[in-house]
Amino acid sequence: MNACYSQPDILSLPARVQETGEVELRYVDYGGYDRVKINQLRKIRSDFLSLPFQAAEVLLDNVVPLADEDHFSPQADAAVAEMTKGAVLVAQATDYDSACPMFQLKVHDCIFL
């Protein structure tokens, strides 16, 4: 993180933290995952703990990694980022997979006056 604060959910188990000195995070305010050194973590002010999370984890319906891969490649991530950068997207819930909602995304063609 570039000298900014966010509210992560720590996903790592204590044994893993001791091995690597890193923790795996899920950012609950804007989404996404990361791995950071434990000495980069700071205690959040208690008044911020009462705020609701701002991000929701969802899956894209009918979008899966290539065969024999369990994650999307950096090239696939970059392609999706480029296609959606600055676009107005419309999300439609289509299904649930293990209690995680699945969505289809469409680029909304709109004109701002």
C-alpha atoms as a PDB file:
ATOM      1  CA  MET A   1       0.000   0.000   0.000  1.00  0.00           C
ATOM      2  CA  ASN A   2       1.318   3.446  -0.829  1.00  0.00           C
ATOM      3  CA  ALA A   3       1.333   5.099   2.604  1.00  0.00           C
ATOM      4  CA  CYS A   4      -2.437   4.926   2.912  1.00  0.00           C
ATOM      5  CA  TYR A   5      -4.670   3.202   5.376  1.00  0.00           C
ATOM      6  CA  SER A   6      -7.302   0.584   4.716  1.00  0.00           C
ATOM      7  CA  GLN A   7      -9.156  -2.023   6.705  1.00  0.00           C
ATOM      8  CA  PRO A   8      -7.969  -5.530   5.828  1.00  0.00           C
ATOM      9  CA  ASP A   9      -9.146  -8.879   7.058  1.00  0.00           C
ATOM     10  CA  ILE A  10      -6.092 -10.994   7.937  1.00  0.00           C
ATOM     11  CA  LEU A  11      -6.331 -14.440   6.341  1.00  0.00           C
ATOM     12  CA  SER A  12      -2.961 -16.031   7.281  1.00  0.00           C
ATOM     13  CA  LEU A  13      -2.581 -18.628   9.976  1.00  0.00           C
ATOM     14  CA  PRO A  14      -0.096 -17.839  12.803  1.00  0.00           C
ATOM     15  CA  ALA A  15       2.308 -20.641  11.775  1.00  0.00           C
ATOM     16  CA  ARG A  16       2.553 -19.257   8.236  1.00  0.00           C
ATOM     17  CA  VAL A  17       3.200 -15.745   9.578  1.00  0.00           C
ATOM     18  CA  GLN A  18       6.099 -17.060  11.662  1.00  0.00           C
ATOM     19  CA  GLU A  19       7.588 -18.857   8.630  1.00  0.00           C
ATOM     20  CA  THR A  20       7.479 -15.950   6.180  1.00  0.00           C
ATOM     21  CA  GLY A  21       7.015 -12.811   8.266  1.00  0.00           C
ATOM     22  CA  GLU A  22       4.129 -11.962   5.936  1.00  0.00           C
ATOM     23  CA  VAL A  23       0.370 -11.972   6.255  1.00  0.00           C
ATOM     24  CA  GLU A  24      -2.227 -12.520   3.575  1.00  0.00           C
ATOM     25  CA  LEU A  25      -4.905  -9.814   3.527  1.00  0.00           C
ATOM     26  CA  ARG A  26      -8.350  -9.305   2.061  1.00  0.00           C
ATOM     27  CA  TYR A  27      -9.218  -5.612   1.706  1.00  0.00           C
ATOM     28  CA  VAL A  28     -12.779  -5.222   2.952  1.00  0.00           C
ATOM     29  CA  ASP A  29     -13.219  -1.572   1.941  1.00  0.00           C
ATOM     30  CA  TYR A  30     -12.303  -1.724  -1.742  1.00  0.00           C
ATOM     31  CA  GLY A  31     -11.725  -5.406  -2.461  1.00  0.00           C
ATOM     32  CA  GLY A  32      -8.735  -7.429  -3.487  1.00  0.00           C
ATOM     33  CA  TYR A  33      -6.054  -9.492  -1.836  1.00  0.00           C
ATOM     34  CA  ASP A  34      -2.423  -8.840  -0.982  1.00  0.00           C
ATOM     35  CA  ARG A  35       0.509 -10.206   0.965  1.00  0.00           C
ATOM     36  CA  VAL A  36       2.478  -7.756   3.128  1.00  0.00           C
ATOM     37  CA  LYS A  37       5.216  -7.870   5.754  1.00  0.00           C
ATOM     38  CA  ILE A  38       3.763  -8.005   9.235  1.00  0.00           C
ATOM     39  CA  ASN A  39       5.735  -4.909  10.287  1.00  0.00           C
ATOM     40  CA  GLN A  40       3.699  -2.874   7.766  1.00  0.00           C
ATOM     41  CA  LEU A  41       0.476  -3.454   9.714  1.00  0.00           C
ATOM     42  CA  ARG A  42      -0.861  -0.819  12.095  1.00  0.00           C
ATOM     43  CA  LYS A  43      -3.695  -0.918  14.595  1.00  0.00           C
ATOM     44  CA  ILE A  44      -6.839   0.765  13.297  1.00  0.00           C
ATOM     45  CA  ARG A  45      -8.625   3.392  15.367  1.00  0.00           C
ATOM     46  CA  SER A  46     -11.469   1.812  17.317  1.00  0.00           C
ATOM     47  CA  ASP A  47     -14.103   4.210  15.910  1.00  0.00           C
ATOM     48  CA  PHE A  48     -13.384   2.834  12.416  1.00  0.00           C
ATOM     49  CA  LEU A  49     -14.237  -0.709  13.531  1.00  0.00           C
ATOM     50  CA  SER A  50     -17.940   0.152  13.695  1.00  0.00           C
ATOM     51  CA  LEU A  51     -18.091   1.121   9.990  1.00  0.00           C
ATOM     52  CA  PRO A  52     -19.554  -1.494   7.620  1.00  0.00           C
ATOM     53  CA  PHE A  53     -17.359  -3.100   4.995  1.00  0.00           C
ATOM     54  CA  GLN A  54     -17.588  -1.364   1.616  1.00  0.00           C
ATOM     55  CA  ALA A  55     -16.601  -4.252  -0.673  1.00  0.00           C
ATOM     56  CA  ALA A  56     -18.357  -7.508  -1.445  1.00  0.00           C
ATOM     57  CA  GLU A  57     -16.623 -10.548  -2.859  1.00  0.00           C
ATOM     58  CA  VAL A  58     -18.301 -11.864  -5.998  1.00  0.00           C
ATOM     59  CA  LEU A  59     -17.447 -14.174  -8.874  1.00  0.00           C
ATOM     60  CA  LEU A  60     -17.885 -13.441 -12.566  1.00  0.00           C
ATOM     61  CA  ASP A  61     -20.338 -15.914 -14.071  1.00  0.00           C
ATOM     62  CA  ASN A  62     -18.956 -18.014 -16.968  1.00  0.00           C
ATOM     63  CA  VAL A  63     -15.421 -16.660 -16.451  1.00  0.00           C
ATOM     64  CA  VAL A  64     -12.796 -19.199 -15.404  1.00  0.00           C
ATOM     65  CA  PRO A  65      -9.009 -19.512 -15.669  1.00  0.00           C
ATOM     66  CA  LEU A  66      -7.495 -21.534 -18.486  1.00  0.00           C
ATOM     67  CA  ALA A  67      -7.598 -25.325 -18.179  1.00  0.00           C
ATOM     68  CA  ASP A  68      -5.115 -26.753 -15.653  1.00  0.00           C
ATOM     69  CA  GLU A  69      -4.728 -23.363 -13.923  1.00  0.00           C
ATOM     70  CA  ASP A  70      -6.278 -22.276 -10.644  1.00  0.00           C
ATOM     71  CA  HIS A  71      -5.671 -18.526 -11.063  1.00  0.00           C
ATOM     72  CA  PHE A  72      -5.930 -16.011 -13.861  1.00  0.00           C
ATOM     73  CA  SER A  73      -2.655 -15.008 -15.473  1.00  0.00           C
ATOM     74  CA  PRO A  74      -1.279 -11.481 -15.033  1.00  0.00           C
ATOM     75  CA  GLN A  75      -2.016 -10.963 -18.757  1.00  0.00           C
ATOM     76  CA  ALA A  76      -5.683 -11.890 -18.230  1.00  0.00           C
ATOM     77  CA  ASP A  77      -5.908  -9.546 -15.236  1.00  0.00           C
ATOM     78  CA  ALA A  78      -4.362  -6.737 -17.303  1.00  0.00           C
ATOM     79  CA  ALA A  79      -6.758  -7.375 -20.211  1.00  0.00           C
ATOM     80  CA  VAL A  80      -9.834  -7.156 -17.959  1.00  0.00           C
ATOM     81  CA  ALA A  81      -8.461  -4.022 -16.275  1.00  0.00           C
ATOM     82  CA  GLU A  82      -7.901  -2.395 -19.669  1.00  0.00           C
ATOM     83  CA  MET A  83     -11.371  -3.330 -20.968  1.00  0.00           C
ATOM     84  CA  THR A  84     -13.131  -1.956 -17.889  1.00  0.00           C
ATOM     85  CA  LYS A  85     -10.935   1.037 -17.017  1.00  0.00           C
ATOM     86  CA  GLY A  86     -13.133   4.124 -16.775  1.00  0.00           C
ATOM     87  CA  ALA A  87     -16.178   2.218 -18.054  1.00  0.00           C
ATOM     88  CA  VAL A  88     -19.619   2.313 -16.492  1.00  0.00           C
ATOM     89  CA  LEU A  89     -20.447  -1.303 -15.699  1.00  0.00           C
ATOM     90  CA  VAL A  90     -23.816  -2.887 -15.055  1.00  0.00           C
ATOM     91  CA  ALA A  91     -23.735  -5.952 -12.804  1.00  0.00           C
ATOM     92  CA  GLN A  92     -26.504  -8.531 -12.776  1.00  0.00           C
ATOM     93  CA  ALA A  93     -26.622 -11.313 -10.178  1.00  0.00           C
ATOM     94  CA  THR A  94     -27.103 -14.645 -11.924  1.00  0.00           C
ATOM     95  CA  ASP A  95     -26.317 -17.418  -9.410  1.00  0.00           C
ATOM     96  CA  TYR A  96     -24.527 -18.394  -6.188  1.00  0.00           C
ATOM     97  CA  ASP A  97     -21.451 -20.588  -5.808  1.00  0.00           C
ATOM     98  CA  SER A  98     -20.630 -21.656  -2.234  1.00  0.00           C
ATOM     99  CA  ALA A  99     -22.536 -18.646  -0.837  1.00  0.00           C
ATOM    100  CA  CYS A 100     -20.585 -16.270  -3.082  1.00  0.00           C
ATOM    101  CA  PRO A 101     -22.794 -14.398  -5.566  1.00  0.00           C
ATOM    102  CA  MET A 102     -22.037 -14.739  -9.269  1.00  0.00           C
ATOM    103  CA  PHE A 103     -22.478 -11.767 -11.589  1.00  0.00           C
ATOM    104  CA  GLN A 104     -22.428 -10.985 -15.265  1.00  0.00           C
ATOM    105  CA  LEU A 105     -20.870  -7.622 -16.110  1.00  0.00           C
ATOM    106  CA  LYS A 106     -21.816  -5.508 -19.096  1.00  0.00           C
ATOM    107  CA  VAL A 107     -20.337  -2.242 -20.259  1.00  0.00           C
ATOM    108  CA  HIS A 108     -23.102   0.350 -20.141  1.00  0.00           C
ATOM    109  CA  ASP A 109     -23.083   2.678 -23.116  1.00  0.00           C
ATOM    110  CA  CYS A 110     -24.141   6.032 -21.788  1.00  0.00           C
ATOM    111  CA  ILE A 111     -23.726   9.644 -22.718  1.00  0.00           C
ATOM    112  CA  PHE A 112     -23.202  12.229 -20.009  1.00  0.00           C
ATOM    113  CA  LEU A 113     -24.607  15.636 -20.813  1.00  0.00           C
END
